[in-house]
Amino acid sequence: MLTPAGKECRHFFGDYFRGRHIERCRLLEAHKLRWTPDLCNECPVPDILQANACEHQTLIPRLERPIFFMRPEVRMRAECSKCACQVVEPAIGCGQCVALPAVWVVGTNQET
């Protein structure tokens, strides 16, 4: 569903049936964080989900203020449930769940 920022996100829920206006973020709700529509403007989740569709990756959100007087922003931490490791770059993944093609692996020479 489209977020208030205009990005596609599977965690956003909006109910507009017959004049209703109910919006929420299921990811933040699951982690007991308060959601407001302005958080969607800079949220990294839609970009991460578009770049990496690994079913083993779990996103863990947190709200942080860059400087104490600024508004909170969504920050993500990712973990892989298959290899039980912390993912350094959520948009790429852990590198163990999906095998990379031999062309991308450093040190393999396919030219013969």
Protein backbone atom coordinates (compact mmCIF):
# COMPACT_ATOMS: atom_id res chain seq x y z
CA MET A 1 0.00 0.00 0.00
CA LEU A 2 1.19 3.54 -0.66
CA THR A 3 2.47 5.44 2.36
CA PRO A 4 1.72 9.14 2.97
CA ALA A 5 5.13 9.82 1.39
CA GLY A 6 4.02 8.04 -1.81
CA LYS A 7 6.21 4.93 -1.50
CA GLU A 8 5.02 1.33 -1.62
CA CYS A 9 5.41 -0.43 1.75
CA ARG A 10 3.91 -3.74 2.88
CA HIS A 11 3.99 -2.65 6.55
CA PHE A 12 1.79 0.42 6.04
CA PHE A 13 -1.97 0.02 6.53
CA GLY A 14 -4.56 2.53 5.42
CA ASP A 15 -8.34 2.14 5.69
CA TYR A 16 -10.26 4.76 3.71
CA PHE A 17 -13.49 2.82 3.14
CA ARG A 18 -16.62 4.98 3.37
CA GLY A 19 -14.94 8.05 4.76
CA ARG A 20 -12.68 6.33 7.26
CA HIS A 21 -9.19 7.63 7.65
CA ILE A 22 -7.20 5.05 9.60
CA GLU A 23 -3.47 4.85 8.93
CA ARG A 24 -0.77 2.96 10.78
CA CYS A 25 2.57 1.27 10.42
CA ARG A 26 2.41 -2.38 11.42
CA LEU A 27 6.18 -2.67 11.74
CA LEU A 28 6.42 0.12 14.31
CA GLU A 29 3.29 -1.12 16.10
CA ALA A 30 4.80 -4.59 16.47
CA HIS A 31 7.79 -3.06 18.25
CA LYS A 32 5.64 -0.79 20.46
CA LEU A 33 6.76 2.43 18.76
CA ARG A 34 4.48 5.40 18.10
CA TRP A 35 3.86 6.10 14.41
CA THR A 36 3.06 9.45 12.83
CA PRO A 37 2.61 10.09 9.07
CA ASP A 38 5.69 12.33 8.89
CA LEU A 39 7.92 9.35 9.79
CA CYS A 40 7.20 7.87 6.34
CA ASN A 41 9.02 10.73 4.58
CA GLU A 42 12.51 9.54 5.53
CA CYS A 43 11.77 5.89 6.40
CA PRO A 44 14.30 3.44 4.89
CA VAL A 45 11.94 0.42 4.95
CA PRO A 46 10.32 0.84 1.47
CA ASP A 47 13.74 1.13 -0.17
CA ILE A 48 15.08 -1.90 1.74
CA LEU A 49 12.05 -4.00 0.78
CA GLN A 50 12.37 -3.00 -2.86
CA ALA A 51 16.08 -3.88 -2.98
CA ASN A 52 15.99 -7.09 -0.91
CA ALA A 53 13.08 -9.52 -0.73
CA CYS A 54 14.78 -12.17 1.41
CA GLU A 55 12.19 -13.93 3.57
CA HIS A 56 14.80 -14.66 6.25
CA GLN A 57 15.63 -11.01 6.93
CA THR A 58 13.91 -9.46 9.94
CA LEU A 59 13.77 -5.68 10.25
CA ILE A 60 13.97 -4.18 13.73
CA PRO A 61 13.03 -0.48 13.83
CA ARG A 62 13.92 2.17 16.37
CA LEU A 63 13.15 5.87 16.59
CA GLU A 64 16.13 8.16 17.03
CA ARG A 65 16.59 11.90 17.19
CA PRO A 66 19.72 12.94 15.28
CA ILE A 67 20.03 15.95 17.61
CA PHE A 68 17.97 16.25 20.78
CA PHE A 69 15.71 19.04 19.46
CA MET A 70 14.99 17.49 16.04
CA ARG A 71 12.02 15.27 15.23
CA PRO A 72 12.53 11.50 15.49
CA GLU A 73 13.56 9.44 12.47
CA VAL A 74 13.18 5.73 11.76
CA ARG A 75 16.41 3.73 11.87
CA MET A 76 16.65 0.05 10.97
CA ARG A 77 18.62 -2.90 12.19
CA ALA A 78 18.33 -6.16 10.30
CA GLU A 79 18.92 -9.74 11.36
CA CYS A 80 18.92 -12.95 9.36
CA SER A 81 16.87 -15.74 10.91
CA LYS A 82 18.50 -18.41 8.73
CA CYS A 83 22.13 -17.85 9.68
CA ALA A 84 21.37 -16.04 12.99
CA CYS A 85 23.60 -13.08 12.19
CA GLN A 86 23.24 -9.33 12.13
CA VAL A 87 22.97 -7.90 8.62
CA VAL A 88 25.38 -5.04 7.99
CA GLU A 89 23.64 -3.69 4.88
CA PRO A 90 19.89 -4.53 4.89
CA ALA A 91 19.42 -3.55 1.23
CA ILE A 92 21.96 -6.21 0.18
CA GLY A 93 21.35 -8.91 2.80
CA CYS A 94 23.64 -11.19 4.76
CA GLY A 95 25.20 -12.81 1.70
CA GLN A 96 24.63 -16.36 2.92
CA CYS A 97 20.95 -16.89 2.11
CA VAL A 98 21.19 -16.27 -1.61
CA ALA A 99 24.21 -17.50 -3.54
CA LEU A 100 25.77 -14.89 -5.79
CA PRO A 101 26.44 -15.76 -9.44
CA ALA A 102 30.04 -16.80 -10.16
CA VAL A 103 30.50 -13.65 -12.26
CA TRP A 104 30.13 -11.47 -9.14
CA VAL A 105 32.33 -13.56 -6.85
CA VAL A 106 35.88 -12.23 -6.56
CA GLY A 107 38.59 -14.72 -7.44
CA THR A 108 36.65 -16.92 -9.86
CA ASN A 109 37.83 -16.86 -13.41
CA GLN A 110 35.27 -18.19 -15.88
CA GLU A 111 37.26 -17.34 -19.01
CA THR A 112 38.56 -20.47 -20.75
